[in-house]
Amino acid sequence: MNQGTDTTKRTEWLNDLSDRYGEMLVMDGYDDCIAGVCVRHGQEPVIIYDQSKVLARLVEDGMTEDEAEEFHEFNQAGAWVGERTPAFLITPEQIERDV
């Protein structure tokens, strides 16, 4: 599958999410890092990003791993932009690697 087809599928998927759950907040340029949607009782659903993919993207864009982690913690994971602020998935494998 080529990148254009992947982008079209992600756009369609995000549009479907908006139809189903209402407007979702997304981080520009990180659509391919989306892991899914977090649905919580009594709260608005939010986009959830795979943290390892987000960090890898930052490194691909020229940051060192330390710079990427610091940037992510402060500017992405640490940002609050309202009830629909995206969340970040940290897998058991990531936790084991960091121990």
C-alpha atoms as a PDB file:
ATOM      1  CA  MET A   1       0.000   0.000   0.000  1.00  0.00           C
ATOM      2  CA  ASN A   2       1.377   3.415  -0.862  1.00  0.00           C
ATOM      3  CA  GLN A   3       1.539   6.492   1.355  1.00  0.00           C
ATOM      4  CA  GLY A   4      -1.286   8.255  -0.528  1.00  0.00           C
ATOM      5  CA  THR A   5      -3.642   5.352   0.115  1.00  0.00           C
ATOM      6  CA  ASP A   6      -2.602   5.234   3.795  1.00  0.00           C
ATOM      7  CA  THR A   7      -3.272   8.962   4.139  1.00  0.00           C
ATOM      8  CA  THR A   8      -6.686   8.610   2.487  1.00  0.00           C
ATOM      9  CA  LYS A   9      -7.631   5.727   4.812  1.00  0.00           C
ATOM     10  CA  ARG A  10      -6.514   7.686   7.898  1.00  0.00           C
ATOM     11  CA  THR A  11      -8.512  10.720   6.750  1.00  0.00           C
ATOM     12  CA  GLU A  12     -11.599   8.554   6.222  1.00  0.00           C
ATOM     13  CA  TRP A  13     -11.084   6.927   9.618  1.00  0.00           C
ATOM     14  CA  LEU A  14     -10.755  10.303  11.356  1.00  0.00           C
ATOM     15  CA  ASN A  15     -13.887  11.547   9.591  1.00  0.00           C
ATOM     16  CA  ASP A  16     -15.730   8.423  10.778  1.00  0.00           C
ATOM     17  CA  LEU A  17     -14.561   9.118  14.333  1.00  0.00           C
ATOM     18  CA  SER A  18     -15.869  12.683  14.120  1.00  0.00           C
ATOM     19  CA  ASP A  19     -19.228  11.376  12.877  1.00  0.00           C
ATOM     20  CA  ARG A  20     -19.370   8.839  15.708  1.00  0.00           C
ATOM     21  CA  TYR A  21     -17.908  10.770  18.655  1.00  0.00           C
ATOM     22  CA  GLY A  22     -17.924  14.425  17.640  1.00  0.00           C
ATOM     23  CA  GLU A  23     -14.960  16.596  16.780  1.00  0.00           C
ATOM     24  CA  MET A  24     -11.723  15.098  18.084  1.00  0.00           C
ATOM     25  CA  LEU A  25      -8.534  17.070  18.798  1.00  0.00           C
ATOM     26  CA  VAL A  26      -5.565  15.777  16.821  1.00  0.00           C
ATOM     27  CA  MET A  27      -1.897  16.722  16.682  1.00  0.00           C
ATOM     28  CA  ASP A  28      -1.024  17.983  13.209  1.00  0.00           C
ATOM     29  CA  GLY A  29       1.343  15.669  11.366  1.00  0.00           C
ATOM     30  CA  TYR A  30       0.962  12.696  13.712  1.00  0.00           C
ATOM     31  CA  ASP A  31      -2.013  10.859  12.177  1.00  0.00           C
ATOM     32  CA  ASP A  32       0.082   7.742  11.587  1.00  0.00           C
ATOM     33  CA  CYS A  33       0.896   7.666  15.329  1.00  0.00           C
ATOM     34  CA  ILE A  34      -2.763   7.314  16.358  1.00  0.00           C
ATOM     35  CA  ALA A  35      -3.391   4.090  18.278  1.00  0.00           C
ATOM     36  CA  GLY A  36      -7.154   4.535  18.605  1.00  0.00           C
ATOM     37  CA  VAL A  37      -9.775   6.254  20.715  1.00  0.00           C
ATOM     38  CA  CYS A  38      -9.988   6.274  24.495  1.00  0.00           C
ATOM     39  CA  VAL A  39     -13.606   6.020  25.653  1.00  0.00           C
ATOM     40  CA  ARG A  40     -14.153   6.812  29.322  1.00  0.00           C
ATOM     41  CA  HIS A  41     -17.357   6.731  31.354  1.00  0.00           C
ATOM     42  CA  GLY A  42     -18.747  10.204  31.890  1.00  0.00           C
ATOM     43  CA  GLN A  43     -16.053  11.891  29.827  1.00  0.00           C
ATOM     44  CA  GLU A  44     -15.616  12.831  26.200  1.00  0.00           C
ATOM     45  CA  PRO A  45     -13.745  10.286  24.029  1.00  0.00           C
ATOM     46  CA  VAL A  46     -10.219  11.342  23.063  1.00  0.00           C
ATOM     47  CA  ILE A  47      -7.685  10.322  20.430  1.00  0.00           C
ATOM     48  CA  ILE A  48      -4.917   8.167  21.882  1.00  0.00           C
ATOM     49  CA  TYR A  49      -1.449   8.220  20.351  1.00  0.00           C
ATOM     50  CA  ASP A  50       1.204   5.504  20.524  1.00  0.00           C
ATOM     51  CA  GLN A  51       3.870   7.305  22.536  1.00  0.00           C
ATOM     52  CA  SER A  52       6.724   5.269  21.027  1.00  0.00           C
ATOM     53  CA  LYS A  53       5.652   6.307  17.504  1.00  0.00           C
ATOM     54  CA  VAL A  54       5.407   9.967  18.536  1.00  0.00           C
ATOM     55  CA  LEU A  55       8.906   9.850  20.038  1.00  0.00           C
ATOM     56  CA  ALA A  56      10.265   8.078  16.941  1.00  0.00           C
ATOM     57  CA  ARG A  57       8.736  10.799  14.739  1.00  0.00           C
ATOM     58  CA  LEU A  58      10.448  13.516  16.774  1.00  0.00           C
ATOM     59  CA  VAL A  59      13.791  11.718  16.400  1.00  0.00           C
ATOM     60  CA  GLU A  60      13.170  11.302  12.647  1.00  0.00           C
ATOM     61  CA  ASP A  61      12.578  15.055  12.511  1.00  0.00           C
ATOM     62  CA  GLY A  62      16.071  15.698  13.910  1.00  0.00           C
ATOM     63  CA  MET A  63      15.889  15.580  17.704  1.00  0.00           C
ATOM     64  CA  THR A  64      18.063  13.386  19.880  1.00  0.00           C
ATOM     65  CA  GLU A  65      16.194  10.822  21.979  1.00  0.00           C
ATOM     66  CA  ASP A  66      16.654  13.001  25.087  1.00  0.00           C
ATOM     67  CA  GLU A  67      15.415  16.098  23.254  1.00  0.00           C
ATOM     68  CA  ALA A  68      12.430  14.160  21.904  1.00  0.00           C
ATOM     69  CA  GLU A  69      11.475  12.890  25.358  1.00  0.00           C
ATOM     70  CA  GLU A  70      11.778  16.363  26.897  1.00  0.00           C
ATOM     71  CA  PHE A  71       9.828  18.011  24.058  1.00  0.00           C
ATOM     72  CA  HIS A  72       7.111  15.353  24.213  1.00  0.00           C
ATOM     73  CA  GLU A  73       6.724  15.550  27.992  1.00  0.00           C
ATOM     74  CA  PHE A  74       6.426  19.338  28.013  1.00  0.00           C
ATOM     75  CA  ASN A  75       4.703  20.190  24.705  1.00  0.00           C
ATOM     76  CA  GLN A  76       2.569  17.159  23.908  1.00  0.00           C
ATOM     77  CA  ALA A  77       1.880  14.930  26.927  1.00  0.00           C
ATOM     78  CA  GLY A  78       2.081  17.938  29.238  1.00  0.00           C
ATOM     79  CA  ALA A  79      -0.280  20.134  27.236  1.00  0.00           C
ATOM     80  CA  TRP A  80      -3.885  20.655  28.327  1.00  0.00           C
ATOM     81  CA  VAL A  81      -6.158  22.041  25.629  1.00  0.00           C
ATOM     82  CA  GLY A  82      -9.509  21.093  27.122  1.00  0.00           C
ATOM     83  CA  GLU A  83     -11.664  18.028  27.649  1.00  0.00           C
ATOM     84  CA  ARG A  84     -10.669  16.583  24.277  1.00  0.00           C
ATOM     85  CA  THR A  85      -6.895  16.764  24.931  1.00  0.00           C
ATOM     86  CA  PRO A  86      -5.349  13.652  23.338  1.00  0.00           C
ATOM     87  CA  ALA A  87      -3.885  10.870  25.465  1.00  0.00           C
ATOM     88  CA  PHE A  88      -0.731   8.786  24.985  1.00  0.00           C
ATOM     89  CA  LEU A  89      -0.505   4.998  25.141  1.00  0.00           C
ATOM     90  CA  ILE A  90       2.512   3.558  26.930  1.00  0.00           C
ATOM     91  CA  THR A  91       2.793  -0.183  26.325  1.00  0.00           C
ATOM     92  CA  PRO A  92       4.169  -2.761  28.793  1.00  0.00           C
ATOM     93  CA  GLU A  93       7.098  -3.228  26.392  1.00  0.00           C
ATOM     94  CA  GLN A  94       7.971   0.473  26.673  1.00  0.00           C
ATOM     95  CA  ILE A  95       7.873   0.285  30.463  1.00  0.00           C
ATOM     96  CA  GLU A  96      10.166  -2.782  30.468  1.00  0.00           C
ATOM     97  CA  ARG A  97      12.626  -0.986  28.158  1.00  0.00           C
ATOM     98  CA  ASP A  98      12.716   2.052  30.437  1.00  0.00           C
ATOM     99  CA  VAL A  99      13.377   0.050  33.636  1.00  0.00           C
END
